[in-house]
PDB file of N, CA and C in Angstrom:
ATOM      1  N   MET A   1     -10.084 -10.746   1.220  1.00  0.00           N
ATOM      2  CA  MET A   1     -10.290 -10.192   2.389  1.00  0.00           C
ATOM      3  C   MET A   1      -9.129 -10.179   3.466  1.00  0.00           C
ATOM      4  N   ALA A   2      -8.453 -11.161   3.972  1.00  0.00           N
ATOM      5  CA  ALA A   2      -7.635 -10.969   5.196  1.00  0.00           C
ATOM      6  C   ALA A   2      -6.348  -9.818   4.399  1.00  0.00           C
ATOM      7  N   ARG A   3      -6.017 -10.347   3.495  1.00  0.00           N
ATOM      8  CA  ARG A   3      -4.774  -9.639   2.664  1.00  0.00           C
ATOM      9  C   ARG A   3      -4.952  -7.991   2.634  1.00  0.00           C
ATOM     10  N   VAL A   4      -6.076  -7.663   2.239  1.00  0.00           N
ATOM     11  CA  VAL A   4      -6.558  -6.219   1.952  1.00  0.00           C
ATOM     12  C   VAL A   4      -6.869  -5.722   3.431  1.00  0.00           C
ATOM     13  N   GLN A   5      -6.728  -6.603   4.498  1.00  0.00           N
ATOM     14  CA  GLN A   5      -6.824  -5.997   6.080  1.00  0.00           C
ATOM     15  C   GLN A   5      -6.013  -5.792   6.826  1.00  0.00           C
ATOM     16  N   ALA A   6      -4.625  -6.873   5.983  1.00  0.00           N
ATOM     17  CA  ALA A   6      -3.262  -6.714   6.165  1.00  0.00           C
ATOM     18  C   ALA A   6      -2.803  -5.692   5.984  1.00  0.00           C
ATOM     19  N   ASP A   7      -3.391  -4.963   4.769  1.00  0.00           N
ATOM     20  CA  ASP A   7      -2.784  -4.022   3.697  1.00  0.00           C
ATOM     21  C   ASP A   7      -1.709  -4.398   3.136  1.00  0.00           C
ATOM     22  N   LEU A   8      -1.980  -5.692   2.597  1.00  0.00           N
ATOM     23  CA  LEU A   8      -0.296  -6.222   1.255  1.00  0.00           C
ATOM     24  C   LEU A   8      -1.184  -6.160   0.252  1.00  0.00           C
ATOM     25  N   THR A   9      -0.430  -5.177  -1.200  1.00  0.00           N
ATOM     26  CA  THR A   9      -0.550  -5.730  -2.185  1.00  0.00           C
ATOM     27  C   THR A   9      -0.936  -7.471  -2.810  1.00  0.00           C
ATOM     28  N   GLN A  10      -1.164  -8.122  -3.356  1.00  0.00           N
ATOM     29  CA  GLN A  10      -0.877  -9.580  -4.178  1.00  0.00           C
ATOM     30  C   GLN A  10       0.450  -9.702  -3.962  1.00  0.00           C
ATOM     31  N   GLN A  11       1.399  -8.715  -4.859  1.00  0.00           N
ATOM     32  CA  GLN A  11       2.636  -8.971  -4.794  1.00  0.00           C
ATOM     33  C   GLN A  11       3.431  -8.958  -3.113  1.00  0.00           C
ATOM     34  N   GLN A  12       3.110  -8.080  -3.098  1.00  0.00           N
ATOM     35  CA  GLN A  12       3.655  -8.029  -1.408  1.00  0.00           C
ATOM     36  C   GLN A  12       3.400  -9.932  -0.729  1.00  0.00           C
ATOM     37  N   LEU A  13       2.204 -10.388  -0.654  1.00  0.00           N
ATOM     38  CA  LEU A  13       1.800 -11.415  -0.567  1.00  0.00           C
ATOM     39  C   LEU A  13       2.676 -12.394  -0.780  1.00  0.00           C
ATOM     40  N   ALA A  14       2.834 -12.245  -1.929  1.00  0.00           N
ATOM     41  CA  ALA A  14       3.975 -13.695  -3.019  1.00  0.00           C
ATOM     42  C   ALA A  14       5.057 -13.188  -2.668  1.00  0.00           C
ATOM     43  N   ASP A  15       5.498 -12.374  -2.175  1.00  0.00           N
ATOM     44  CA  ASP A  15       6.836 -12.118  -1.744  1.00  0.00           C
ATOM     45  C   ASP A  15       7.385 -12.608  -0.513  1.00  0.00           C
ATOM     46  N   LYS A  16       6.575 -12.468   0.368  1.00  0.00           N
ATOM     47  CA  LYS A  16       6.342 -12.826   2.114  1.00  0.00           C
ATOM     48  C   LYS A  16       6.573 -14.619   1.544  1.00  0.00           C
ATOM     49  N   THR A  17       5.889 -15.287   0.665  1.00  0.00           N
ATOM     50  CA  THR A  17       5.332 -16.601   0.751  1.00  0.00           C
ATOM     51  C   THR A  17       6.157 -17.361  -0.307  1.00  0.00           C
ATOM     52  N   GLY A  18       6.862 -16.488  -0.697  1.00  0.00           N
ATOM     53  CA  GLY A  18       7.812 -17.052  -2.064  1.00  0.00           C
ATOM     54  C   GLY A  18       7.181 -17.746  -3.361  1.00  0.00           C
ATOM     55  N   VAL A  19       5.978 -17.278  -3.628  1.00  0.00           N
ATOM     56  CA  VAL A  19       5.348 -17.884  -4.991  1.00  0.00           C
ATOM     57  C   VAL A  19       5.237 -16.651  -5.350  1.00  0.00           C
ATOM     58  N   THR A  20       4.174 -16.709  -7.181  1.00  0.00           N
ATOM     59  CA  THR A  20       4.407 -15.227  -7.728  1.00  0.00           C
ATOM     60  C   THR A  20       3.017 -14.747  -7.053  1.00  0.00           C
ATOM     61  N   ARG A  21       2.598 -14.143  -7.471  1.00  0.00           N
ATOM     62  CA  ARG A  21       1.577 -12.750  -7.886  1.00  0.00           C
ATOM     63  C   ARG A  21       0.475 -13.447  -8.246  1.00  0.00           C
ATOM     64  N   GLN A  22       0.919 -14.668  -9.466  1.00  0.00           N
ATOM     65  CA  GLN A  22      -0.155 -14.816 -10.197  1.00  0.00           C
ATOM     66  C   GLN A  22      -0.845 -16.198  -9.484  1.00  0.00           C
ATOM     67  N   THR A  23      -0.155 -16.959  -8.309  1.00  0.00           N
ATOM     68  CA  THR A  23      -0.545 -17.864  -7.736  1.00  0.00           C
ATOM     69  C   THR A  23      -1.518 -17.426  -6.143  1.00  0.00           C
ATOM     70  N   ILE A  24      -1.212 -16.163  -5.837  1.00  0.00           N
ATOM     71  CA  ILE A  24      -2.011 -15.383  -5.150  1.00  0.00           C
ATOM     72  C   ILE A  24      -3.319 -15.722  -5.589  1.00  0.00           C
ATOM     73  N   SER A  25      -3.615 -14.666  -6.383  1.00  0.00           N
ATOM     74  CA  SER A  25      -4.578 -14.469  -7.671  1.00  0.00           C
ATOM     75  C   SER A  25      -4.961 -15.663  -7.648  1.00  0.00           C
ATOM     76  N   LEU A  26      -5.003 -16.922  -8.213  1.00  0.00           N
ATOM     77  CA  LEU A  26      -5.532 -18.125  -8.446  1.00  0.00           C
ATOM     78  C   LEU A  26      -6.064 -18.346  -7.249  1.00  0.00           C
ATOM     79  N   ILE A  27      -5.179 -18.664  -6.178  1.00  0.00           N
ATOM     80  CA  ILE A  27      -5.753 -18.523  -4.732  1.00  0.00           C
ATOM     81  C   ILE A  27      -7.091 -18.023  -4.122  1.00  0.00           C
ATOM     82  N   GLU A  28      -6.858 -16.830  -4.699  1.00  0.00           N
ATOM     83  CA  GLU A  28      -8.033 -15.733  -3.750  1.00  0.00           C
ATOM     84  C   GLU A  28      -9.089 -15.963  -4.469  1.00  0.00           C
ATOM     85  N   LYS A  29      -9.355 -16.434  -5.643  1.00  0.00           N
ATOM     86  CA  LYS A  29     -10.254 -16.773  -7.000  1.00  0.00           C
ATOM     87  C   LYS A  29     -10.609 -18.259  -7.077  1.00  0.00           C
ATOM     88  N   GLY A  30     -10.152 -18.907  -6.016  1.00  0.00           N
ATOM     89  CA  GLY A  30     -10.737 -20.363  -5.595  1.00  0.00           C
ATOM     90  C   GLY A  30     -10.221 -20.951  -6.915  1.00  0.00           C
ATOM     91  N   ALA A  31      -9.450 -20.443  -7.662  1.00  0.00           N
ATOM     92  CA  ALA A  31      -8.720 -21.504  -9.152  1.00  0.00           C
ATOM     93  C   ALA A  31      -7.391 -23.225  -8.821  1.00  0.00           C
ATOM     94  N   TYR A  32      -6.869 -22.093  -7.668  1.00  0.00           N
ATOM     95  CA  TYR A  32      -5.691 -23.337  -7.407  1.00  0.00           C
ATOM     96  C   TYR A  32      -5.650 -23.303  -6.012  1.00  0.00           C
ATOM     97  N   ASN A  33      -5.548 -25.065  -5.662  1.00  0.00           N
ATOM     98  CA  ASN A  33      -5.599 -25.273  -4.296  1.00  0.00           C
ATOM     99  C   ASN A  33      -4.156 -25.237  -3.813  1.00  0.00           C
ATOM    100  N   PRO A  34      -3.630 -24.354  -2.790  1.00  0.00           N
ATOM    101  CA  PRO A  34      -2.263 -24.653  -2.627  1.00  0.00           C
ATOM    102  C   PRO A  34      -1.594 -25.665  -1.734  1.00  0.00           C
ATOM    103  N   SER A  35      -0.950 -26.194  -1.737  1.00  0.00           N
ATOM    104  CA  SER A  35      -0.066 -27.010  -0.878  1.00  0.00           C
ATOM    105  C   SER A  35      -0.189 -26.381   0.792  1.00  0.00           C
ATOM    106  N   LEU A  36      -0.597 -27.630   1.776  1.00  0.00           N
ATOM    107  CA  LEU A  36      -0.492 -27.237   3.358  1.00  0.00           C
ATOM    108  C   LEU A  36       0.657 -25.914   3.288  1.00  0.00           C
ATOM    109  N   LYS A  37       1.708 -26.640   2.792  1.00  0.00           N
ATOM    110  CA  LYS A  37       2.945 -25.680   3.754  1.00  0.00           C
ATOM    111  C   LYS A  37       2.680 -24.253   2.749  1.00  0.00           C
ATOM    112  N   LEU A  38       2.122 -24.207   1.479  1.00  0.00           N
ATOM    113  CA  LEU A  38       1.569 -23.055   1.466  1.00  0.00           C
ATOM    114  C   LEU A  38       0.701 -22.051   2.042  1.00  0.00           C
ATOM    115  N   CYS A  39      -0.186 -22.780   2.923  1.00  0.00           N
ATOM    116  CA  CYS A  39      -1.481 -22.228   3.122  1.00  0.00           C
ATOM    117  C   CYS A  39      -0.908 -21.638   4.742  1.00  0.00           C
ATOM    118  N   LEU A  40      -0.145 -22.689   5.218  1.00  0.00           N
ATOM    119  CA  LEU A  40       0.825 -21.825   6.727  1.00  0.00           C
ATOM    120  C   LEU A  40       1.626 -20.989   6.377  1.00  0.00           C
ATOM    121  N   ASP A  41       2.417 -20.533   5.107  1.00  0.00           N
ATOM    122  CA  ASP A  41       3.212 -19.655   4.836  1.00  0.00           C
ATOM    123  C   ASP A  41       2.465 -18.255   5.218  1.00  0.00           C
ATOM    124  N   ILE A  42       1.134 -18.607   4.188  1.00  0.00           N
ATOM    125  CA  ILE A  42       0.547 -17.620   4.312  1.00  0.00           C
ATOM    126  C   ILE A  42      -0.486 -17.022   5.417  1.00  0.00           C
ATOM    127  N   CYS A  43      -1.006 -18.049   6.156  1.00  0.00           N
ATOM    128  CA  CYS A  43      -1.444 -17.905   7.446  1.00  0.00           C
ATOM    129  C   CYS A  43      -0.596 -17.030   8.221  1.00  0.00           C
ATOM    130  N   TYR A  44       0.953 -17.315   8.495  1.00  0.00           N
ATOM    131  CA  TYR A  44       2.051 -16.455   8.932  1.00  0.00           C
ATOM    132  C   TYR A  44       1.603 -15.050   8.280  1.00  0.00           C
ATOM    133  N   ALA A  45       1.776 -14.918   7.281  1.00  0.00           N
ATOM    134  CA  ALA A  45       1.970 -13.662   6.893  1.00  0.00           C
ATOM    135  C   ALA A  45       1.316 -12.942   6.851  1.00  0.00           C
ATOM    136  N   LEU A  46      -0.121 -13.522   7.085  1.00  0.00           N
ATOM    137  CA  LEU A  46      -1.302 -12.669   7.736  1.00  0.00           C
ATOM    138  C   LEU A  46      -1.419 -12.653   8.894  1.00  0.00           C
ATOM    139  N   ASN A  47      -0.909 -13.495   9.537  1.00  0.00           N
ATOM    140  CA  ASN A  47      -0.959 -13.620  11.259  1.00  0.00           C
ATOM    141  C   ASN A  47      -2.577 -14.645  11.352  1.00  0.00           C
ATOM    142  N   ARG A  48      -3.097 -14.981  10.688  1.00  0.00           N
ATOM    143  CA  ARG A  48      -4.457 -15.757  10.551  1.00  0.00           C
ATOM    144  C   ARG A  48      -4.135 -17.265  10.765  1.00  0.00           C
ATOM    145  N   THR A  49      -5.017 -17.711  11.051  1.00  0.00           N
ATOM    146  CA  THR A  49      -5.290 -19.257  11.228  1.00  0.00           C
ATOM    147  C   THR A  49      -5.842 -19.957   9.988  1.00  0.00           C
ATOM    148  N   LEU A  50      -5.518 -21.326   9.927  1.00  0.00           N
ATOM    149  CA  LEU A  50      -5.537 -21.898   8.692  1.00  0.00           C
ATOM    150  C   LEU A  50      -7.509 -22.168   8.847  1.00  0.00           C
ATOM    151  N   ASP A  51      -8.379 -21.852   9.612  1.00  0.00           N
ATOM    152  CA  ASP A  51      -9.594 -22.372   9.344  1.00  0.00           C
ATOM    153  C   ASP A  51     -10.295 -20.788   9.027  1.00  0.00           C
ATOM    154  N   ASP A  52      -9.518 -19.697   9.797  1.00  0.00           N
ATOM    155  CA  ASP A  52      -9.692 -18.198   9.434  1.00  0.00           C
ATOM    156  C   ASP A  52      -9.859 -17.981   7.521  1.00  0.00           C
ATOM    157  N   LEU A  53      -8.738 -18.716   7.359  1.00  0.00           N
ATOM    158  CA  LEU A  53      -8.389 -18.319   5.734  1.00  0.00           C
ATOM    159  C   LEU A  53      -8.785 -19.433   4.861  1.00  0.00           C
ATOM    160  N   PHE A  54      -8.785 -20.579   5.178  1.00  0.00           N
ATOM    161  CA  PHE A  54      -9.171 -21.950   4.619  1.00  0.00           C
ATOM    162  C   PHE A  54     -10.402 -22.809   5.072  1.00  0.00           C
ATOM    163  N   TRP A  55     -10.976 -23.069   5.576  1.00  0.00           N
ATOM    164  CA  TRP A  55     -11.864 -23.570   6.399  1.00  0.00           C
ATOM    165  C   TRP A  55     -12.987 -23.522   5.227  1.00  0.00           C
ATOM    166  N   VAL A  56     -13.943 -24.782   4.398  1.00  0.00           N
ATOM    167  CA  VAL A  56     -14.566 -23.916   4.091  1.00  0.00           C
ATOM    168  C   VAL A  56     -15.697 -25.393   4.498  1.00  0.00           C
ATOM    169  N   ASP A  57     -17.071 -24.976   4.758  1.00  0.00           N
ATOM    170  CA  ASP A  57     -18.024 -25.555   5.490  1.00  0.00           C
ATOM    171  C   ASP A  57     -18.526 -27.029   4.663  1.00  0.00           C
ATOM    172  N   SER A  58     -19.257 -27.383   5.236  1.00  0.00           N
ATOM    173  CA  SER A  58     -19.844 -28.292   4.151  1.00  0.00           C
ATOM    174  C   SER A  58     -20.955 -28.080   3.300  1.00  0.00           C
ATOM    175  N   GLY A  59     -21.115 -27.076   3.298  1.00  0.00           N
ATOM    176  CA  GLY A  59     -22.019 -26.549   2.532  1.00  0.00           C
ATOM    177  C   GLY A  59     -21.405 -25.581   1.198  1.00  0.00           C
ATOM    178  N   GLY A  60     -20.061 -25.580   1.262  1.00  0.00           N
ATOM    179  CA  GLY A  60     -18.830 -25.147   0.276  1.00  0.00           C
ATOM    180  C   GLY A  60     -18.300 -23.648   1.033  1.00  0.00           C
ATOM    181  N   GLU A  61     -19.309 -23.221   1.668  1.00  0.00           N
ATOM    182  CA  GLU A  61     -19.563 -21.653   1.873  1.00  0.00           C
ATOM    183  C   GLU A  61     -17.702 -21.625   2.900  1.00  0.00           C
ATOM    184  N   LYS A  62     -17.346 -20.710   3.160  1.00  0.00           N
ATOM    185  CA  LYS A  62     -15.973 -19.860   3.427  1.00  0.00           C
ATOM    186  C   LYS A  62     -16.526 -19.266   4.487  1.00  0.00           C
TER     187      LYS A  62
END
């Protein structure tokens, strides 16, 4: 959702963070756990915090 709000395609975010579009897709689907460095790169690219994008509460909800 944050990527769409930032008006970026998966490819544009991938280019900004140095990964493939497929990696961004897998992260968005919850099928890939990115490294802390990649999490931070995504946060910087979207101007969001780690909590905004990656925090999961104890019930498994974002």
